[in-house]
Structure formats: structure tokens, C-alpha cells
C-alpha atoms as a PDB file:
ATOM      1  CA  MET A   1     -19.820 -40.139 -73.432  1.00  0.00           C
ATOM      2  CA  THR A   2     -20.770 -36.792 -74.877  1.00  0.00           C
ATOM      3  CA  ALA A   3     -22.871 -33.926 -73.662  1.00  0.00           C
ATOM      4  CA  THR A   4     -25.612 -33.073 -76.036  1.00  0.00           C
ATOM      5  CA  ASN A   5     -26.507 -29.615 -77.201  1.00  0.00           C
ATOM      6  CA  ALA A   6     -29.061 -30.879 -79.711  1.00  0.00           C
ATOM      7  CA  ALA A   7     -32.555 -29.434 -79.739  1.00  0.00           C
ATOM      8  CA  PRO A   8     -34.685 -30.764 -76.887  1.00  0.00           C
ATOM      9  CA  SER A   9     -37.173 -33.540 -77.597  1.00  0.00           C
ATOM     10  CA  ARG A  10     -40.907 -32.852 -77.388  1.00  0.00           C
ATOM     11  CA  SER A  11     -41.098 -34.260 -73.879  1.00  0.00           C
ATOM     12  CA  GLU A  12     -38.075 -32.197 -72.768  1.00  0.00           C
ATOM     13  CA  THR A  13     -39.633 -29.082 -74.296  1.00  0.00           C
ATOM     14  CA  ALA A  14     -42.906 -29.818 -72.516  1.00  0.00           C
ATOM     15  CA  MET A  15     -41.077 -30.287 -69.200  1.00  0.00           C
ATOM     16  CA  ASN A  16     -39.058 -27.077 -69.691  1.00  0.00           C
ATOM     17  CA  ASN A  17     -42.216 -25.164 -70.587  1.00  0.00           C
ATOM     18  CA  THR A  18     -43.989 -26.476 -67.498  1.00  0.00           C
ATOM     19  CA  VAL A  19     -41.100 -25.710 -65.141  1.00  0.00           C
ATOM     20  CA  GLY A  20     -40.660 -22.272 -66.758  1.00  0.00           C
ATOM     21  CA  TRP A  21     -44.394 -21.500 -66.448  1.00  0.00           C
ATOM     22  CA  LEU A  22     -44.360 -22.537 -62.787  1.00  0.00           C
ATOM     23  CA  ALA A  23     -41.282 -20.392 -62.059  1.00  0.00           C
ATOM     24  CA  ARG A  24     -42.847 -17.393 -63.815  1.00  0.00           C
ATOM     25  CA  HIS A  25     -45.850 -17.856 -61.535  1.00  0.00           C
ATOM     26  CA  GLY A  26     -43.804 -18.164 -58.344  1.00  0.00           C
ATOM     27  CA  VAL A  27     -43.703 -21.941 -57.949  1.00  0.00           C
ATOM     28  CA  SER A  28     -40.308 -23.622 -57.652  1.00  0.00           C
ATOM     29  CA  LEU A  29     -39.741 -27.335 -58.184  1.00  0.00           C
ATOM     30  CA  MET A  30     -36.853 -28.349 -55.917  1.00  0.00           C
ATOM     31  CA  GLY A  31     -35.237 -24.910 -56.219  1.00  0.00           C
ATOM     32  CA  SER A  32     -35.830 -24.346 -59.939  1.00  0.00           C
ATOM     33  CA  ARG A  33     -35.704 -20.802 -61.272  1.00  0.00           C
ATOM     34  CA  GLN A  34     -36.126 -18.994 -64.565  1.00  0.00           C
ATOM     35  CA  LEU A  35     -32.680 -17.913 -65.762  1.00  0.00           C
ATOM     36  CA  ALA A  36     -32.678 -14.617 -67.652  1.00  0.00           C
ATOM     37  CA  VAL A  37     -29.585 -13.594 -69.608  1.00  0.00           C
ATOM     38  CA  ARG A  38     -29.246 -10.874 -72.220  1.00  0.00           C
ATOM     39  CA  GLY A  39     -28.690 -12.148 -75.754  1.00  0.00           C
ATOM     40  CA  ARG A  40     -25.130 -11.593 -76.888  1.00  0.00           C
ATOM     41  CA  THR A  41     -26.166  -9.937 -80.171  1.00  0.00           C
ATOM     42  CA  SER A  42     -29.743  -8.740 -79.603  1.00  0.00           C
ATOM     43  CA  GLY A  43     -29.331  -7.532 -76.026  1.00  0.00           C
ATOM     44  CA  GLN A  44     -32.846  -8.809 -75.306  1.00  0.00           C
ATOM     45  CA  TRP A  45     -33.610 -10.978 -72.296  1.00  0.00           C
ATOM     46  CA  ARG A  46     -33.582 -14.717 -73.026  1.00  0.00           C
ATOM     47  CA  THR A  47     -35.000 -17.113 -70.453  1.00  0.00           C
ATOM     48  CA  THR A  48     -34.781 -20.801 -69.659  1.00  0.00           C
ATOM     49  CA  PRO A  49     -35.539 -22.881 -66.573  1.00  0.00           C
ATOM     50  CA  VAL A  50     -32.514 -23.937 -64.515  1.00  0.00           C
ATOM     51  CA  ASN A  51     -31.695 -25.766 -61.299  1.00  0.00           C
ATOM     52  CA  PRO A  52     -29.296 -23.596 -59.270  1.00  0.00           C
ATOM     53  CA  LEU A  53     -27.162 -25.875 -57.120  1.00  0.00           C
ATOM     54  CA  PRO A  54     -26.217 -24.786 -53.594  1.00  0.00           C
ATOM     55  CA  LEU A  55     -22.977 -26.427 -52.454  1.00  0.00           C
ATOM     56  CA  ASP A  56     -20.539 -25.488 -49.707  1.00  0.00           C
ATOM     57  CA  GLY A  57     -21.805 -21.907 -49.375  1.00  0.00           C
ATOM     58  CA  GLN A  58     -21.759 -21.207 -53.119  1.00  0.00           C
ATOM     59  CA  ARG A  59     -24.388 -21.494 -55.853  1.00  0.00           C
ATOM     60  CA  TYR A  60     -23.744 -22.966 -59.265  1.00  0.00           C
ATOM     61  CA  LEU A  61     -25.446 -23.147 -62.641  1.00  0.00           C
ATOM     62  CA  VAL A  62     -24.655 -26.379 -64.454  1.00  0.00           C
ATOM     63  CA  ALA A  63     -25.328 -26.787 -68.177  1.00  0.00           C
ATOM     64  CA  PRO A  64     -26.324 -30.449 -68.539  1.00  0.00           C
ATOM     65  CA  ARG A  65     -26.919 -30.030 -72.284  1.00  0.00           C
ATOM     66  CA  GLY A  66     -23.403 -28.683 -72.846  1.00  0.00           C
ATOM     67  CA  VAL A  67     -22.663 -25.396 -74.592  1.00  0.00           C
ATOM     68  CA  THR A  68     -26.162 -24.047 -75.199  1.00  0.00           C
ATOM     69  CA  GLN A  69     -27.358 -20.554 -76.083  1.00  0.00           C
ATOM     70  CA  TRP A  70     -27.749 -19.559 -72.438  1.00  0.00           C
ATOM     71  CA  VAL A  71     -24.156 -20.648 -71.785  1.00  0.00           C
ATOM     72  CA  ARG A  72     -22.871 -18.604 -74.735  1.00  0.00           C
ATOM     73  CA  ASN A  73     -24.887 -15.578 -73.614  1.00  0.00           C
ATOM     74  CA  LEU A  74     -23.719 -15.875 -69.995  1.00  0.00           C
ATOM     75  CA  ARG A  75     -20.092 -16.200 -71.095  1.00  0.00           C
ATOM     76  CA  VAL A  76     -20.405 -12.881 -72.948  1.00  0.00           C
ATOM     77  CA  SER A  77     -22.501 -10.937 -70.442  1.00  0.00           C
ATOM     78  CA  GLY A  78     -21.082 -12.348 -67.204  1.00  0.00           C
ATOM     79  CA  GLU A  79     -24.356 -11.569 -65.454  1.00  0.00           C
ATOM     80  CA  GLY A  80     -28.016 -12.424 -65.380  1.00  0.00           C
ATOM     81  CA  GLU A  81     -31.072 -12.847 -63.212  1.00  0.00           C
ATOM     82  CA  LEU A  82     -32.702 -15.758 -61.441  1.00  0.00           C
ATOM     83  CA  ARG A  83     -36.443 -15.219 -61.414  1.00  0.00           C
ATOM     84  CA  LEU A  84     -39.235 -16.772 -59.411  1.00  0.00           C
ATOM     85  CA  GLY A  85     -42.614 -15.147 -59.847  1.00  0.00           C
ATOM     86  CA  ARG A  86     -42.242 -11.399 -59.371  1.00  0.00           C
ATOM     87  CA  ARG A  87     -38.939 -11.772 -57.553  1.00  0.00           C
ATOM     88  CA  SER A  88     -35.756 -11.266 -59.518  1.00  0.00           C
ATOM     89  CA  GLU A  89     -32.260 -11.813 -58.161  1.00  0.00           C
ATOM     90  CA  GLY A  90     -29.393 -10.273 -60.120  1.00  0.00           C
ATOM     91  CA  PHE A  91     -26.069 -12.100 -60.176  1.00  0.00           C
ATOM     92  CA  THR A  92     -22.630 -12.118 -61.688  1.00  0.00           C
ATOM     93  CA  ALA A  93     -21.142 -15.359 -62.951  1.00  0.00           C
ATOM     94  CA  ALA A  94     -17.690 -16.828 -63.342  1.00  0.00           C
ATOM     95  CA  GLU A  95     -17.090 -20.061 -65.223  1.00  0.00           C
ATOM     96  CA  LEU A  96     -15.347 -22.807 -63.295  1.00  0.00           C
ATOM     97  CA  PRO A  97     -12.186 -24.376 -64.651  1.00  0.00           C
ATOM     98  CA  ASP A  98     -12.486 -28.084 -65.458  1.00  0.00           C
ATOM     99  CA  SER A  99     -10.248 -28.922 -62.501  1.00  0.00           C
ATOM    100  CA  ALA A 100     -12.895 -27.607 -60.049  1.00  0.00           C
ATOM    101  CA  LYS A 101     -15.958 -29.317 -61.560  1.00  0.00           C
ATOM    102  CA  VAL A 102     -15.887 -32.840 -60.080  1.00  0.00           C
ATOM    103  CA  PRO A 103     -17.586 -32.148 -56.717  1.00  0.00           C
ATOM    104  CA  VAL A 104     -20.162 -29.867 -58.366  1.00  0.00           C
ATOM    105  CA  LEU A 105     -21.037 -32.415 -61.048  1.00  0.00           C
ATOM    106  CA  ARG A 106     -21.276 -35.188 -58.443  1.00  0.00           C
ATOM    107  CA  GLU A 107     -23.700 -33.171 -56.311  1.00  0.00           C
ATOM    108  CA  TYR A 108     -25.707 -32.096 -59.361  1.00  0.00           C
ATOM    109  CA  LEU A 109     -26.099 -35.749 -60.338  1.00  0.00           C
ATOM    110  CA  ARG A 110     -27.070 -36.656 -56.775  1.00  0.00           C
ATOM    111  CA  LYS A 111     -29.752 -34.008 -56.601  1.00  0.00           C
ATOM    112  CA  TRP A 112     -31.186 -34.054 -60.134  1.00  0.00           C
ATOM    113  CA  ARG A 113     -30.205 -37.324 -61.843  1.00  0.00           C
ATOM    114  CA  TRP A 114     -33.905 -38.263 -62.142  1.00  0.00           C
ATOM    115  CA  GLU A 115     -34.463 -35.151 -64.280  1.00  0.00           C
ATOM    116  CA  ILE A 116     -31.223 -34.694 -66.220  1.00  0.00           C
ATOM    117  CA  GLY A 117     -29.589 -38.124 -66.153  1.00  0.00           C
ATOM    118  CA  ALA A 118     -29.949 -38.642 -69.908  1.00  0.00           C
ATOM    119  CA  PHE A 119     -27.477 -35.804 -70.481  1.00  0.00           C
ATOM    120  CA  PHE A 120     -24.785 -37.573 -68.428  1.00  0.00           C
ATOM    121  CA  PRO A 121     -24.496 -40.984 -70.092  1.00  0.00           C
ATOM    122  CA  GLY A 122     -22.366 -43.407 -68.117  1.00  0.00           C
ATOM    123  CA  LEU A 123     -22.076 -41.102 -65.096  1.00  0.00           C
ATOM    124  CA  SER A 124     -23.620 -41.475 -61.689  1.00  0.00           C
ATOM    125  CA  VAL A 125     -23.079 -40.222 -58.183  1.00  0.00           C
ATOM    126  CA  ASP A 126     -20.914 -43.310 -57.655  1.00  0.00           C
ATOM    127  CA  SER A 127     -18.617 -42.638 -60.634  1.00  0.00           C
ATOM    128  CA  ASP A 128     -15.015 -42.188 -59.537  1.00  0.00           C
ATOM    129  CA  ASP A 129     -13.374 -38.774 -59.706  1.00  0.00           C
ATOM    130  CA  ALA A 130     -11.267 -39.695 -62.743  1.00  0.00           C
ATOM    131  CA  THR A 131     -14.354 -40.696 -64.750  1.00  0.00           C
ATOM    132  CA  ILE A 132     -16.156 -37.448 -63.916  1.00  0.00           C
ATOM    133  CA  ALA A 133     -13.021 -35.368 -64.536  1.00  0.00           C
ATOM    134  CA  ALA A 134     -12.601 -36.988 -67.970  1.00  0.00           C
ATOM    135  CA  VAL A 135     -15.914 -35.506 -69.167  1.00  0.00           C
ATOM    136  CA  ALA A 136     -16.008 -32.305 -67.097  1.00  0.00           C
ATOM    137  CA  SER A 137     -15.023 -30.107 -70.044  1.00  0.00           C
ATOM    138  CA  ARG A 138     -18.309 -31.019 -71.759  1.00  0.00           C
ATOM    139  CA  TYR A 139     -20.425 -29.435 -69.018  1.00  0.00           C
ATOM    140  CA  PRO A 140     -20.020 -25.693 -68.437  1.00  0.00           C
ATOM    141  CA  ILE A 141     -20.492 -24.695 -64.805  1.00  0.00           C
ATOM    142  CA  PHE A 142     -20.780 -21.160 -63.449  1.00  0.00           C
ATOM    143  CA  VAL A 143     -20.433 -20.023 -59.870  1.00  0.00           C
ATOM    144  CA  ILE A 144     -22.949 -17.252 -59.291  1.00  0.00           C
ATOM    145  CA  ARG A 145     -22.743 -14.377 -56.846  1.00  0.00           C
ATOM    146  CA  THR A 146     -25.644 -12.145 -56.029  1.00  0.00           C
ATOM    147  CA  ALA A 147     -25.298  -8.399 -55.906  1.00  0.00           C
END
């Protein structure tokens, strides 16, 4: 089981473009937002659609494709924005240690498996903790806190 950080397929690109367009125009699909993070070398805003996960009074950003550009940028900047239409919510982010990821990954799979399941081969909501923990390092997760 490996997380993929390969370029998205045409259908994945089409889906991301659609979800991003909807978020830019104020429409959220099941809580989706447009993530904006400054590029680590350019300093320019980079955006991608994401599914912020509320769980136990916190919110998380899970990277189902593994270590992608937005993950690298967020690791450097430590902050970003979640956008929906004209609304923009600034946040700071802290990456979770692997030891804290199991309940977050389980809930993420429960809520969005239909959309992102291909990025979690062999995992499901019913996977035992040891199975999820064994692959947790492949999926960066950030806890986000709004200003």
C-alpha cells in the first residue's frame, strides 16, 4: 500500500477543477473549500480544493495523495487560507505526528471514501488500528486553527 503523489488523471483533474470552481463561486460540496497557501519559493498564492475534516472540536487537512506541492508549501509557511466564494478564513497549521493519525484517517475514510478511496488502497473504515497506523506516515495531516 502506497500513497500516490503522481499527477492526477484526467478525471481527477476534471473533478478538482469542478470542485475548485464551485468553491470559488461560494458552493461547497460536503464542506469542501479552496485551500490557498503561499508557494515556498515564489511567495505567490497556490490553490487546490480540499475537504477540511471536523473531528472532536478540531479541523484537519488530510493529504490523500501523499506529499504534494500544497503539503510542501504548508510545511514551510505554516499558514494558509480556506476560501469559499468571497469568504476567506486564515489559519495556522501544525502537522500531526504519525502516532496521532489513526482516528483522523479513519474518519476521513468514513466521510470521503467515495471520493478519495483510490488513494488509500487496502484501507477502509473497518481496517484495524494497526493496519492504519502502518501506513499513516504516507498521509500528511495538519490540524488547523483559525485566527
